[in-house]
Amino acid sequence: MPSVRFTPGSPPDHPRECVALVHGFMANKYMLAVLSRRLQAHGYSTTAWGYWNMGCSLLVHAERFARELELLDREARIDTLHVVGHSMGCIISRAALDRYRPRKMGRFVMLAPPNRGSFVATATARTLGRFLTPVAELSTAENSLVNSLPTPQGIDIGVIAAKHDALVAEESTRPDAPHAHITLPTWHTGLLFSRETADLVAGFLATGEFPATAATAPRNP
């Protein structure tokens, strides 16, 4: 079974809600530790899911994460299952949710997601993409994998972009589905370590809106 951190004495707001976290390209699940602890402080249980092979298609990881979601869906101590991804982890999550939609599915938050591709991936697709398959899959080309994948419908989606992102343009973070969107003044990976990120994620998971921004960041079609 997946390793889920249930926090004794958690606030009663989210007693049986679990957040499955997924890291990005060339990262690891330990980089999710700060965000995980802060979400636990908001009363959520958490589990960090990782992958390591950068030579295979991101769809391989999506198949594995879909099986993880299925296991979490069967966990008796979980009533609601949320997904929070960072960077390529958002795309893996998109593909996984297309393969398996949990019965207990809650909300989906994407941090710096290359939903319409990364300009860095585009620039390096012909070189690095020969050895690191996801690089080619995440290009901004219309026929790239990321631009061919469906986006989950019927789920509350929140997107947090990074203003100083050197990998993903802000307009590329927007998925092809209704969503709430906000941009924080940090960098691509910095989102994982920002307390404001954790507070915004927790607020969105609880209400489907970003705290203090509901009036100024309406949902986008």
N, C-alpha and C. Protein backbone atom coordinates (compact mmCIF):
# COMPACT_ATOMS: atom_id res chain seq x y z
N MET A 1 0.84 -1.21 0.00
CA MET A 1 0.00 0.00 0.00
C MET A 1 0.87 1.25 0.00
N PRO A 2 0.35 2.36 -0.54
CA PRO A 2 1.12 3.61 -0.52
C PRO A 2 1.41 4.06 0.89
N SER A 3 2.50 4.80 1.06
CA SER A 3 2.87 5.35 2.36
C SER A 3 2.18 6.68 2.55
N VAL A 4 1.17 6.70 3.41
CA VAL A 4 0.40 7.91 3.66
C VAL A 4 0.71 8.40 5.06
N ARG A 5 0.99 9.69 5.19
CA ARG A 5 1.28 10.27 6.50
C ARG A 5 0.00 10.86 7.09
N PHE A 6 -0.61 10.10 7.99
CA PHE A 6 -1.78 10.57 8.73
C PHE A 6 -1.27 11.29 9.97
N THR A 7 -1.73 12.51 10.17
CA THR A 7 -1.21 13.33 11.25
C THR A 7 -2.14 13.30 12.45
N PRO A 8 -1.76 12.63 13.56
CA PRO A 8 -2.60 12.62 14.76
C PRO A 8 -2.84 14.03 15.27
N GLY A 9 -4.04 14.29 15.70
CA GLY A 9 -4.35 15.59 16.24
C GLY A 9 -4.50 16.67 15.19
N SER A 10 -4.69 16.28 13.93
CA SER A 10 -4.87 17.27 12.87
C SER A 10 -6.13 18.08 13.13
N PRO A 11 -6.17 19.30 12.62
CA PRO A 11 -7.39 20.09 12.74
C PRO A 11 -8.58 19.33 12.15
N PRO A 12 -9.78 19.53 12.67
CA PRO A 12 -10.92 18.74 12.25
C PRO A 12 -11.46 19.12 10.87
N ASP A 13 -10.89 20.15 10.23
CA ASP A 13 -11.43 20.61 8.95
C ASP A 13 -11.37 19.53 7.87
N HIS A 14 -10.28 18.76 7.83
CA HIS A 14 -10.08 17.79 6.74
C HIS A 14 -9.64 16.45 7.33
N PRO A 15 -10.46 15.83 8.15
CA PRO A 15 -10.02 14.66 8.92
C PRO A 15 -9.69 13.44 8.08
N ARG A 16 -10.30 13.28 6.91
CA ARG A 16 -10.07 12.08 6.13
C ARG A 16 -9.79 12.43 4.66
N GLU A 17 -9.06 13.52 4.48
CA GLU A 17 -8.70 13.96 3.13
C GLU A 17 -7.20 13.77 2.92
N CYS A 18 -6.84 13.15 1.81
CA CYS A 18 -5.44 12.87 1.51
C CYS A 18 -5.01 13.62 0.26
N VAL A 19 -3.78 14.13 0.27
CA VAL A 19 -3.22 14.82 -0.88
C VAL A 19 -2.08 13.98 -1.44
N ALA A 20 -2.23 13.56 -2.70
CA ALA A 20 -1.16 12.82 -3.39
C ALA A 20 -0.32 13.83 -4.15
N LEU A 21 0.96 13.93 -3.81
CA LEU A 21 1.87 14.89 -4.41
C LEU A 21 2.79 14.21 -5.42
N VAL A 22 3.04 14.89 -6.55
CA VAL A 22 3.89 14.33 -7.61
C VAL A 22 4.92 15.38 -8.02
N HIS A 23 6.18 15.01 -8.04
CA HIS A 23 7.25 15.95 -8.36
C HIS A 23 7.45 16.08 -9.88
N GLY A 24 8.37 16.96 -10.25
CA GLY A 24 8.61 17.25 -11.66
C GLY A 24 9.84 16.56 -12.23
N PHE A 25 10.20 16.96 -13.44
CA PHE A 25 11.30 16.41 -14.22
C PHE A 25 12.64 16.58 -13.49
N MET A 26 13.44 15.50 -13.44
CA MET A 26 14.77 15.52 -12.83
C MET A 26 14.73 15.92 -11.35
N ALA A 27 13.63 15.67 -10.69
CA ALA A 27 13.50 15.97 -9.26
C ALA A 27 13.28 14.65 -8.51
N ASN A 28 12.84 14.74 -7.28
CA ASN A 28 12.53 13.54 -6.50
C ASN A 28 11.49 13.89 -5.44
N LYS A 29 10.92 12.86 -4.84
CA LYS A 29 9.81 13.09 -3.92
C LYS A 29 10.24 13.80 -2.64
N TYR A 30 11.54 13.79 -2.34
CA TYR A 30 12.01 14.47 -1.13
C TYR A 30 11.90 16.00 -1.27
N MET A 31 11.87 16.48 -2.51
CA MET A 31 11.69 17.90 -2.73
C MET A 31 10.28 18.37 -2.40
N LEU A 32 9.38 17.41 -2.18
CA LEU A 32 8.00 17.72 -1.82
C LEU A 32 7.80 17.78 -0.30
N ALA A 33 8.88 17.55 0.46
CA ALA A 33 8.75 17.40 1.92
C ALA A 33 8.22 18.66 2.60
N VAL A 34 8.73 19.83 2.20
CA VAL A 34 8.30 21.07 2.84
C VAL A 34 6.82 21.33 2.59
N LEU A 35 6.42 21.21 1.33
CA LEU A 35 5.01 21.41 0.99
C LEU A 35 4.14 20.38 1.70
N SER A 36 4.62 19.15 1.76
CA SER A 36 3.87 18.09 2.43
C SER A 36 3.63 18.41 3.90
N ARG A 37 4.69 18.85 4.60
CA ARG A 37 4.55 19.16 6.03
C ARG A 37 3.57 20.33 6.25
N ARG A 38 3.64 21.30 5.39
CA ARG A 38 2.75 22.45 5.54
C ARG A 38 1.29 22.08 5.26
N LEU A 39 1.06 21.17 4.33
CA LEU A 39 -0.31 20.71 4.09
C LEU A 39 -0.80 19.88 5.26
N GLN A 40 0.09 19.12 5.87
CA GLN A 40 -0.29 18.37 7.07
C GLN A 40 -0.68 19.33 8.19
N ALA A 41 0.03 20.46 8.28
CA ALA A 41 -0.30 21.45 9.30
C ALA A 41 -1.69 22.05 9.07
N HIS A 42 -2.14 22.01 7.82
CA HIS A 42 -3.50 22.47 7.50
C HIS A 42 -4.53 21.37 7.73
N GLY A 43 -4.07 20.18 8.15
CA GLY A 43 -5.00 19.12 8.51
C GLY A 43 -5.17 18.03 7.49
N TYR A 44 -4.38 18.03 6.42
CA TYR A 44 -4.48 17.00 5.39
C TYR A 44 -3.47 15.89 5.65
N SER A 45 -3.83 14.66 5.32
CA SER A 45 -2.82 13.61 5.24
C SER A 45 -2.18 13.73 3.86
N THR A 46 -0.95 13.25 3.72
CA THR A 46 -0.24 13.40 2.45
C THR A 46 0.51 12.13 2.09
N THR A 47 0.76 11.98 0.80
CA THR A 47 1.64 10.93 0.30
C THR A 47 2.39 11.50 -0.89
N ALA A 48 3.70 11.29 -0.92
CA ALA A 48 4.53 11.78 -2.02
C ALA A 48 4.89 10.61 -2.92
N TRP A 49 4.57 10.77 -4.21
CA TRP A 49 4.83 9.70 -5.17
C TRP A 49 5.97 10.12 -6.08
N GLY A 50 6.91 9.21 -6.31
CA GLY A 50 8.07 9.56 -7.11
C GLY A 50 8.34 8.62 -8.26
N TYR A 51 9.23 9.03 -9.15
CA TYR A 51 9.67 8.25 -10.30
C TYR A 51 11.10 8.67 -10.58
N TRP A 52 11.84 7.89 -11.33
CA TRP A 52 13.25 8.24 -11.54
C TRP A 52 13.69 8.14 -12.99
N ASN A 53 13.09 7.29 -13.79
CA ASN A 53 13.55 7.05 -15.17
C ASN A 53 13.18 8.23 -16.07
N MET A 54 14.17 8.94 -16.58
CA MET A 54 13.93 10.07 -17.48
C MET A 54 14.10 9.68 -18.94
N GLY A 55 14.39 8.40 -19.20
CA GLY A 55 14.57 7.96 -20.57
C GLY A 55 13.29 7.46 -21.21
N CYS A 56 12.31 7.10 -20.37
CA CYS A 56 11.06 6.56 -20.90
C CYS A 56 10.01 7.66 -21.04
N SER A 57 8.93 7.33 -21.71
CA SER A 57 7.83 8.28 -21.87
C SER A 57 7.21 8.60 -20.52
N LEU A 58 6.72 9.82 -20.38
CA LEU A 58 6.01 10.18 -19.14
C LEU A 58 4.74 9.35 -18.98
N LEU A 59 4.26 8.76 -20.08
CA LEU A 59 3.08 7.91 -20.00
C LEU A 59 3.35 6.64 -19.19
N VAL A 60 4.61 6.19 -19.18
CA VAL A 60 4.98 5.04 -18.34
C VAL A 60 4.77 5.39 -16.88
N HIS A 61 5.19 6.59 -16.50
CA HIS A 61 5.00 7.03 -15.12
C HIS A 61 3.51 7.24 -14.83
N ALA A 62 2.78 7.70 -15.82
CA ALA A 62 1.34 7.92 -15.63
C ALA A 62 0.62 6.60 -15.34
N GLU A 63 1.04 5.54 -16.00
CA GLU A 63 0.43 4.23 -15.74
C GLU A 63 0.68 3.81 -14.30
N ARG A 64 1.90 4.04 -13.82
CA ARG A 64 2.25 3.68 -12.44
C ARG A 64 1.48 4.54 -11.45
N PHE A 65 1.38 5.84 -11.75
CA PHE A 65 0.67 6.71 -10.81
C PHE A 65 -0.82 6.39 -10.80
N ALA A 66 -1.36 5.98 -11.93
CA ALA A 66 -2.77 5.58 -11.98
C ALA A 66 -3.01 4.39 -11.04
N ARG A 67 -2.06 3.45 -11.00
CA ARG A 67 -2.19 2.31 -10.09
C ARG A 67 -2.08 2.78 -8.63
N GLU A 68 -1.23 3.77 -8.39
CA GLU A 68 -1.12 4.33 -7.04
C GLU A 68 -2.44 4.97 -6.61
N LEU A 69 -3.06 5.72 -7.53
CA LEU A 69 -4.34 6.35 -7.23
C LEU A 69 -5.41 5.29 -6.93
N GLU A 70 -5.34 4.19 -7.66
CA GLU A 70 -6.32 3.12 -7.42
C GLU A 70 -6.15 2.52 -6.02
N LEU A 71 -4.89 2.36 -5.59
CA LEU A 71 -4.63 1.85 -4.24
C LEU A 71 -5.12 2.83 -3.18
N LEU A 72 -4.83 4.10 -3.38
CA LEU A 72 -5.28 5.13 -2.43
C LEU A 72 -6.81 5.19 -2.39
N ASP A 73 -7.43 4.97 -3.53
CA ASP A 73 -8.88 5.00 -3.61
C ASP A 73 -9.51 3.90 -2.76
N ARG A 74 -8.74 2.83 -2.53
CA ARG A 74 -9.25 1.70 -1.75
C ARG A 74 -8.87 1.82 -0.27
N GLU A 75 -8.08 2.84 0.08
CA GLU A 75 -7.65 3.02 1.47
C GLU A 75 -8.85 3.44 2.34
N ALA A 76 -9.16 2.63 3.34
CA ALA A 76 -10.35 2.85 4.16
C ALA A 76 -10.29 4.15 4.95
N ARG A 77 -9.08 4.63 5.26
CA ARG A 77 -8.97 5.84 6.08
C ARG A 77 -9.10 7.13 5.26
N ILE A 78 -9.28 7.00 3.95
CA ILE A 78 -9.38 8.17 3.07
C ILE A 78 -10.80 8.28 2.52
N ASP A 79 -11.41 9.44 2.70
CA ASP A 79 -12.72 9.71 2.10
C ASP A 79 -12.62 10.56 0.84
N THR A 80 -11.61 11.45 0.81
CA THR A 80 -11.43 12.34 -0.34
C THR A 80 -9.96 12.32 -0.73
N LEU A 81 -9.69 12.19 -2.03
CA LEU A 81 -8.33 12.11 -2.54
C LEU A 81 -8.06 13.28 -3.49
N HIS A 82 -7.16 14.17 -3.09
CA HIS A 82 -6.76 15.30 -3.92
C HIS A 82 -5.42 14.98 -4.60
N VAL A 83 -5.15 15.67 -5.69
CA VAL A 83 -3.86 15.52 -6.39
C VAL A 83 -3.22 16.89 -6.54
N VAL A 84 -1.94 16.98 -6.19
CA VAL A 84 -1.15 18.20 -6.37
C VAL A 84 0.14 17.83 -7.09
N GLY A 85 0.34 18.40 -8.26
CA GLY A 85 1.54 18.11 -9.03
C GLY A 85 2.39 19.34 -9.23
N HIS A 86 3.68 19.12 -9.46
CA HIS A 86 4.60 20.21 -9.79
C HIS A 86 5.24 19.93 -11.14
N SER A 87 5.19 20.91 -12.05
CA SER A 87 5.85 20.84 -13.34
C SER A 87 5.40 19.59 -14.11
N MET A 88 6.34 18.73 -14.53
CA MET A 88 5.95 17.54 -15.29
C MET A 88 5.05 16.63 -14.49
N GLY A 89 5.11 16.73 -13.16
CA GLY A 89 4.21 15.92 -12.34
C GLY A 89 2.76 16.23 -12.61
N CYS A 90 2.47 17.46 -13.05
CA CYS A 90 1.10 17.83 -13.41
C CYS A 90 0.65 17.08 -14.65
N ILE A 91 1.57 16.93 -15.61
CA ILE A 91 1.23 16.26 -16.87
C ILE A 91 1.08 14.76 -16.63
N ILE A 92 1.96 14.21 -15.80
CA ILE A 92 1.81 12.80 -15.42
C ILE A 92 0.47 12.60 -14.74
N SER A 93 0.09 13.53 -13.89
CA SER A 93 -1.20 13.43 -13.20
C SER A 93 -2.37 13.52 -14.18
N ARG A 94 -2.27 14.44 -15.14
CA ARG A 94 -3.31 14.54 -16.16
C ARG A 94 -3.51 13.20 -16.87
N ALA A 95 -2.40 12.61 -17.29
CA ALA A 95 -2.47 11.33 -18.01
C ALA A 95 -2.97 10.21 -17.11
N ALA A 96 -2.55 10.23 -15.83
CA ALA A 96 -2.99 9.19 -14.90
C ALA A 96 -4.49 9.27 -14.64
N LEU A 97 -4.99 10.50 -14.49
CA LEU A 97 -6.43 10.68 -14.23
C LEU A 97 -7.26 10.31 -15.46
N ASP A 98 -6.66 10.36 -16.63
CA ASP A 98 -7.35 9.90 -17.84
C ASP A 98 -7.47 8.39 -17.84
N ARG A 99 -6.53 7.73 -17.16
CA ARG A 99 -6.54 6.27 -17.09
C ARG A 99 -7.36 5.75 -15.92
N TYR A 100 -7.32 6.48 -14.81
CA TYR A 100 -8.10 6.06 -13.64
C TYR A 100 -8.58 7.29 -12.88
N ARG A 101 -9.88 7.46 -12.81
CA ARG A 101 -10.47 8.55 -12.06
C ARG A 101 -10.97 7.99 -10.72
N PRO A 102 -10.32 8.35 -9.62
CA PRO A 102 -10.73 7.82 -8.32
C PRO A 102 -12.18 8.13 -7.99
N ARG A 103 -12.85 7.18 -7.36
CA ARG A 103 -14.22 7.42 -6.90
C ARG A 103 -14.24 8.52 -5.84
N LYS A 104 -13.13 8.64 -5.10
CA LYS A 104 -13.03 9.63 -4.03
C LYS A 104 -12.35 10.92 -4.49
N MET A 105 -12.28 11.13 -5.79
CA MET A 105 -11.53 12.27 -6.32
C MET A 105 -12.05 13.58 -5.78
N GLY A 106 -11.09 14.39 -5.29
CA GLY A 106 -11.42 15.72 -4.80
C GLY A 106 -11.02 16.77 -5.81
N ARG A 107 -9.99 17.55 -5.50
CA ARG A 107 -9.56 18.65 -6.36
C ARG A 107 -8.13 18.42 -6.85
N PHE A 108 -7.76 19.16 -7.88
CA PHE A 108 -6.47 18.99 -8.56
C PHE A 108 -5.78 20.35 -8.64
N VAL A 109 -4.60 20.45 -8.03
CA VAL A 109 -3.83 21.69 -8.09
C VAL A 109 -2.54 21.45 -8.88
N MET A 110 -2.27 22.32 -9.82
CA MET A 110 -1.06 22.24 -10.64
C MET A 110 -0.13 23.40 -10.30
N LEU A 111 1.11 23.08 -10.02
CA LEU A 111 2.13 24.09 -9.73
C LEU A 111 3.09 24.19 -10.91
N ALA A 112 3.15 25.36 -11.54
CA ALA A 112 4.03 25.60 -12.70
C ALA A 112 3.90 24.51 -13.76
N PRO A 113 2.69 24.21 -14.19
CA PRO A 113 2.50 23.10 -15.13
C PRO A 113 2.78 23.52 -16.58
N PRO A 114 3.52 22.73 -17.34
CA PRO A 114 3.70 23.00 -18.77
C PRO A 114 2.53 22.44 -19.58
N ASN A 115 1.33 22.91 -19.26
CA ASN A 115 0.13 22.34 -19.88
C ASN A 115 0.09 22.49 -21.40
N ARG A 116 0.77 23.51 -21.90
CA ARG A 116 0.83 23.72 -23.35
C ARG A 116 2.26 23.65 -23.85
N GLY A 117 3.09 23.01 -23.04
CA GLY A 117 4.48 22.81 -23.40
C GLY A 117 5.42 23.81 -22.76
N SER A 118 6.70 23.49 -22.81
CA SER A 118 7.76 24.34 -22.26
C SER A 118 8.63 24.84 -23.40
N PHE A 119 8.94 26.13 -23.41
CA PHE A 119 9.79 26.68 -24.47
C PHE A 119 11.21 26.13 -24.37
N VAL A 120 11.64 25.74 -23.17
CA VAL A 120 12.95 25.13 -23.01
C VAL A 120 12.95 23.73 -23.63
N ALA A 121 11.87 22.98 -23.42
CA ALA A 121 11.75 21.66 -24.04
C ALA A 121 11.77 21.78 -25.56
N THR A 122 11.10 22.81 -26.08
CA THR A 122 11.08 23.02 -27.52
C THR A 122 12.49 23.27 -28.05
N ALA A 123 13.24 24.08 -27.33
CA ALA A 123 14.58 24.45 -27.77
C ALA A 123 15.56 23.28 -27.73
N THR A 124 15.31 22.32 -26.86
CA THR A 124 16.25 21.21 -26.67
C THR A 124 15.71 19.86 -27.15
N ALA A 125 14.52 19.86 -27.76
CA ALA A 125 13.87 18.60 -28.14
C ALA A 125 14.71 17.76 -29.11
N ARG A 126 15.38 18.42 -30.05
CA ARG A 126 16.15 17.67 -31.05
C ARG A 126 17.45 17.11 -30.50
N THR A 127 17.93 17.65 -29.42
CA THR A 127 19.17 17.16 -28.83
C THR A 127 18.89 16.30 -27.60
N LEU A 128 18.45 16.93 -26.52
CA LEU A 128 18.18 16.18 -25.30
C LEU A 128 17.02 15.21 -25.46
N GLY A 129 16.07 15.57 -26.33
CA GLY A 129 14.90 14.72 -26.51
C GLY A 129 15.22 13.36 -27.09
N ARG A 130 16.40 13.21 -27.68
CA ARG A 130 16.81 11.91 -28.22
C ARG A 130 17.13 10.93 -27.09
N PHE A 131 17.50 11.45 -25.93
CA PHE A 131 17.89 10.61 -24.80
C PHE A 131 16.91 10.71 -23.63
N LEU A 132 16.31 11.88 -23.49
CA LEU A 132 15.35 12.13 -22.41
C LEU A 132 13.97 12.33 -23.05
N THR A 133 13.25 11.25 -23.20
CA THR A 133 12.00 11.26 -23.95
C THR A 133 11.02 12.35 -23.51
N PRO A 134 10.85 12.59 -22.21
CA PRO A 134 9.88 13.62 -21.81
C PRO A 134 10.18 15.02 -22.35
N VAL A 135 11.45 15.31 -22.65
CA VAL A 135 11.79 16.62 -23.19
C VAL A 135 11.05 16.84 -24.50
N ALA A 136 11.09 15.85 -25.39
CA ALA A 136 10.38 15.97 -26.66
C ALA A 136 8.87 15.98 -26.44
N GLU A 137 8.40 15.22 -25.46
CA GLU A 137 6.96 15.13 -25.21
C GLU A 137 6.39 16.42 -24.65
N LEU A 138 7.26 17.26 -24.06
CA LEU A 138 6.79 18.49 -23.42
C LEU A 138 7.07 19.73 -24.27
N SER A 139 7.33 19.57 -25.55
CA SER A 139 7.57 20.72 -26.41
C SER A 139 6.25 21.45 -26.67
N THR A 140 6.37 22.68 -27.16
CA THR A 140 5.17 23.49 -27.44
C THR A 140 4.56 23.17 -28.80
N ALA A 141 5.13 22.24 -29.54
CA ALA A 141 4.59 21.87 -30.86
C ALA A 141 3.15 21.39 -30.72
N GLU A 142 2.34 21.72 -31.71
CA GLU A 142 0.92 21.37 -31.64
C GLU A 142 0.70 19.87 -31.54
N ASN A 143 1.61 19.08 -32.13
CA ASN A 143 1.43 17.63 -32.13
C ASN A 143 2.24 16.93 -31.04
N SER A 144 2.79 17.71 -30.09
CA SER A 144 3.54 17.07 -29.00
C SER A 144 2.60 16.31 -28.09
N LEU A 145 3.16 15.42 -27.29
CA LEU A 145 2.32 14.62 -26.39
C LEU A 145 1.52 15.49 -25.45
N VAL A 146 2.17 16.48 -24.84
CA VAL A 146 1.46 17.29 -23.85
C VAL A 146 0.29 18.03 -24.47
N ASN A 147 0.39 18.39 -25.74
CA ASN A 147 -0.70 19.10 -26.40
C ASN A 147 -1.73 18.15 -27.01
N SER A 148 -1.50 16.86 -26.83
CA SER A 148 -2.45 15.85 -27.32
C SER A 148 -3.21 15.18 -26.18
N LEU A 149 -2.69 15.31 -24.97
CA LEU A 149 -3.34 14.67 -23.82
C LEU A 149 -4.63 15.38 -23.44
N PRO A 150 -5.64 14.64 -23.04
CA PRO A 150 -6.86 15.29 -22.53
C PRO A 150 -6.61 15.88 -21.15
N THR A 151 -7.34 16.92 -20.84
CA THR A 151 -7.31 17.51 -19.50
C THR A 151 -8.55 17.02 -18.75
N PRO A 152 -8.42 16.59 -17.51
CA PRO A 152 -9.58 16.09 -16.77
C PRO A 152 -10.70 17.13 -16.72
N GLN A 153 -11.88 16.68 -17.00
CA GLN A 153 -13.06 17.54 -16.95
C GLN A 153 -13.89 17.17 -15.73
N GLY A 154 -14.67 18.11 -15.25
CA GLY A 154 -15.53 17.83 -14.11
C GLY A 154 -14.80 17.77 -12.79
N ILE A 155 -13.58 18.32 -12.74
CA ILE A 155 -12.79 18.39 -11.51
C ILE A 155 -12.44 19.85 -11.28
N ASP A 156 -12.49 20.29 -10.02
CA ASP A 156 -12.02 21.63 -9.70
C ASP A 156 -10.50 21.67 -9.88
N ILE A 157 -10.03 22.54 -10.78
CA ILE A 157 -8.60 22.64 -11.06
C ILE A 157 -8.09 24.02 -10.67
N GLY A 158 -7.02 24.06 -9.91
CA GLY A 158 -6.36 25.30 -9.57
C GLY A 158 -4.94 25.29 -10.10
N VAL A 159 -4.51 26.41 -10.68
CA VAL A 159 -3.16 26.51 -11.25
C VAL A 159 -2.41 27.65 -10.57
N ILE A 160 -1.20 27.35 -10.10
CA ILE A 160 -0.33 28.38 -9.54
C ILE A 160 0.91 28.47 -10.42
N ALA A 161 1.08 29.61 -11.07
CA ALA A 161 2.24 29.83 -11.93
C ALA A 161 3.29 30.62 -11.17
N ALA A 162 4.53 30.57 -11.67
CA ALA A 162 5.64 31.33 -11.08
C ALA A 162 6.01 32.49 -12.00
N LYS A 163 6.02 33.69 -11.47
CA LYS A 163 6.29 34.88 -12.27
C LYS A 163 7.67 34.84 -12.91
N HIS A 164 8.65 34.30 -12.18
CA HIS A 164 10.03 34.29 -12.67
C HIS A 164 10.43 32.88 -13.13
N ASP A 165 9.51 32.23 -13.82
CA ASP A 165 9.73 30.86 -14.29
C ASP A 165 10.61 30.89 -15.54
N ALA A 166 11.75 30.21 -15.48
CA ALA A 166 12.67 30.17 -16.62
C ALA A 166 12.46 28.94 -17.49
N LEU A 167 11.41 28.18 -17.20
CA LEU A 167 11.15 26.95 -17.94
C LEU A 167 9.79 26.93 -18.64
N VAL A 168 8.80 27.55 -18.01
CA VAL A 168 7.43 27.49 -18.53
C VAL A 168 6.84 28.90 -18.58
N ALA A 169 6.37 29.31 -19.75
CA ALA A 169 5.73 30.61 -19.88
C ALA A 169 4.38 30.59 -19.17
N GLU A 170 4.01 31.74 -18.61
CA GLU A 170 2.78 31.79 -17.83
C GLU A 170 1.56 31.34 -18.64
N GLU A 171 1.49 31.75 -19.91
CA GLU A 171 0.33 31.37 -20.72
C GLU A 171 0.28 29.87 -20.99
N SER A 172 1.45 29.20 -20.90
CA SER A 172 1.48 27.76 -21.12
C SER A 172 1.01 26.97 -19.91
N THR A 173 0.84 27.64 -18.78
CA THR A 173 0.39 26.92 -17.58
C THR A 173 -1.11 26.66 -17.61
N ARG A 174 -1.81 27.35 -18.48
CA ARG A 174 -3.28 27.26 -18.46
C ARG A 174 -3.77 25.99 -19.17
N PRO A 175 -4.55 25.15 -18.47
CA PRO A 175 -5.07 23.92 -19.07
C PRO A 175 -6.30 24.20 -19.91
N ASP A 176 -6.62 23.24 -20.75
CA ASP A 176 -7.80 23.35 -21.61
C ASP A 176 -9.02 22.83 -20.85
N ALA A 177 -9.34 23.50 -19.77
CA ALA A 177 -10.48 23.13 -18.93
C ALA A 177 -10.75 24.30 -18.00
N PRO A 178 -11.96 24.43 -17.47
CA PRO A 178 -12.22 25.49 -16.49
C PRO A 178 -11.25 25.38 -15.32
N HIS A 179 -10.71 26.51 -14.87
CA HIS A 179 -9.73 26.48 -13.80
C HIS A 179 -9.61 27.84 -13.13
N ALA A 180 -9.10 27.84 -11.91
CA ALA A 180 -8.71 29.06 -11.22
C ALA A 180 -7.21 29.23 -11.40
N HIS A 181 -6.75 30.47 -11.54
CA HIS A 181 -5.34 30.70 -11.87
C HIS A 181 -4.79 31.85 -11.04
N ILE A 182 -3.56 31.69 -10.56
CA ILE A 182 -2.89 32.75 -9.83
C ILE A 182 -1.40 32.63 -10.09
N THR A 183 -0.71 33.76 -10.05
CA THR A 183 0.75 33.78 -10.26
C THR A 183 1.43 34.35 -9.02
N LEU A 184 2.45 33.63 -8.54
CA LEU A 184 3.22 34.08 -7.38
C LEU A 184 4.59 34.60 -7.82
N PRO A 185 5.13 35.59 -7.10
CA PRO A 185 6.42 36.19 -7.48
C PRO A 185 7.61 35.33 -7.04
N THR A 186 7.71 34.16 -7.62
CA THR A 186 8.82 33.26 -7.30
C THR A 186 9.27 32.56 -8.56
N TRP A 187 10.16 31.59 -8.43
CA TRP A 187 10.69 30.86 -9.58
C TRP A 187 10.08 29.46 -9.64
N HIS A 188 10.41 28.74 -10.70
CA HIS A 188 9.77 27.46 -11.01
C HIS A 188 9.76 26.50 -9.82
N THR A 189 10.93 26.17 -9.31
CA THR A 189 11.02 25.24 -8.19
C THR A 189 10.72 25.91 -6.87
N GLY A 190 10.90 27.23 -6.83
CA GLY A 190 10.63 27.97 -5.60
C GLY A 190 9.21 27.83 -5.10
N LEU A 191 8.29 27.51 -6.00
CA LEU A 191 6.90 27.31 -5.58
C LEU A 191 6.78 26.23 -4.52
N LEU A 192 7.64 25.23 -4.59
CA LEU A 192 7.56 24.12 -3.64
C LEU A 192 7.92 24.53 -2.22
N PHE A 193 8.69 25.61 -2.08
CA PHE A 193 9.21 26.00 -0.78
C PHE A 193 8.56 27.27 -0.23
N SER A 194 7.62 27.81 -0.97
CA SER A 194 6.93 29.03 -0.55
C SER A 194 5.78 28.69 0.38
N ARG A 195 5.75 29.35 1.55
CA ARG A 195 4.63 29.14 2.47
C ARG A 195 3.32 29.60 1.83
N GLU A 196 3.39 30.64 1.01
CA GLU A 196 2.19 31.14 0.36
C GLU A 196 1.61 30.09 -0.58
N THR A 197 2.49 29.35 -1.25
CA THR A 197 2.02 28.26 -2.11
C THR A 197 1.21 27.26 -1.30
N ALA A 198 1.76 26.83 -0.17
CA ALA A 198 1.07 25.84 0.67
C ALA A 198 -0.27 26.36 1.15
N ASP A 199 -0.32 27.63 1.55
CA ASP A 199 -1.57 28.21 2.04
C ASP A 199 -2.61 28.29 0.91
N LEU A 200 -2.14 28.65 -0.28
CA LEU A 200 -3.06 28.73 -1.42
C LEU A 200 -3.56 27.35 -1.82
N VAL A 201 -2.67 26.38 -1.82
CA VAL A 201 -3.07 25.00 -2.16
C VAL A 201 -4.11 24.50 -1.16
N ALA A 202 -3.82 24.67 0.13
CA ALA A 202 -4.74 24.21 1.17
C ALA A 202 -6.10 24.89 1.04
N GLY A 203 -6.08 26.19 0.75
CA GLY A 203 -7.34 26.92 0.59
C GLY A 203 -8.13 26.43 -0.59
N PHE A 204 -7.43 26.16 -1.70
CA PHE A 204 -8.13 25.68 -2.89
C PHE A 204 -8.71 24.29 -2.66
N LEU A 205 -7.95 23.44 -2.02
CA LEU A 205 -8.45 22.08 -1.76
C LEU A 205 -9.70 22.12 -0.89
N ALA A 206 -9.77 23.11 0.00
CA ALA A 206 -10.92 23.20 0.90
C ALA A 206 -12.15 23.80 0.24
N THR A 207 -11.96 24.77 -0.67
CA THR A 207 -13.09 25.54 -1.16
C THR A 207 -13.26 25.56 -2.68
N GLY A 208 -12.20 25.18 -3.42
CA GLY A 208 -12.28 25.27 -4.88
C GLY A 208 -11.94 26.66 -5.39
N GLU A 209 -11.47 27.53 -4.50
CA GLU A 209 -11.03 28.88 -4.88
C GLU A 209 -9.74 29.20 -4.14
N PHE A 210 -8.93 30.08 -4.71
CA PHE A 210 -7.73 30.51 -4.01
C PHE A 210 -8.09 31.58 -2.98
N PRO A 211 -7.64 31.46 -1.75
CA PRO A 211 -7.98 32.42 -0.70
C PRO A 211 -7.62 33.85 -1.07
N ALA A 212 -8.54 34.75 -0.79
CA ALA A 212 -8.33 36.19 -0.98
C ALA A 212 -8.15 36.59 -2.42
N THR A 213 -8.38 35.65 -3.36
CA THR A 213 -8.22 35.99 -4.77
C THR A 213 -9.45 35.61 -5.58
N ALA A 214 -10.47 35.08 -4.87
CA ALA A 214 -11.66 34.60 -5.59
C ALA A 214 -12.30 35.68 -6.44
N ALA A 215 -12.27 36.93 -5.94
CA ALA A 215 -12.92 38.02 -6.68
C ALA A 215 -12.07 38.52 -7.84
N THR A 216 -10.75 38.33 -7.75
CA THR A 216 -9.88 38.90 -8.77
C THR A 216 -9.30 37.84 -9.71
N ALA A 217 -9.47 36.56 -9.38
CA ALA A 217 -8.97 35.50 -10.25
C ALA A 217 -10.10 34.55 -10.61
N PRO A 218 -11.04 34.99 -11.46
CA PRO A 218 -12.17 34.13 -11.80
C PRO A 218 -11.74 32.92 -12.60
N ARG A 219 -12.60 31.95 -12.63
CA ARG A 219 -12.31 30.76 -13.42
C ARG A 219 -12.22 31.11 -14.90
N ASN A 220 -11.34 30.36 -15.59
CA ASN A 220 -11.12 30.57 -17.01
C ASN A 220 -11.67 29.40 -17.79
N PRO A 221 -12.29 29.67 -18.91
CA PRO A 221 -12.83 28.55 -19.70
C PRO A 221 -11.73 27.77 -20.37
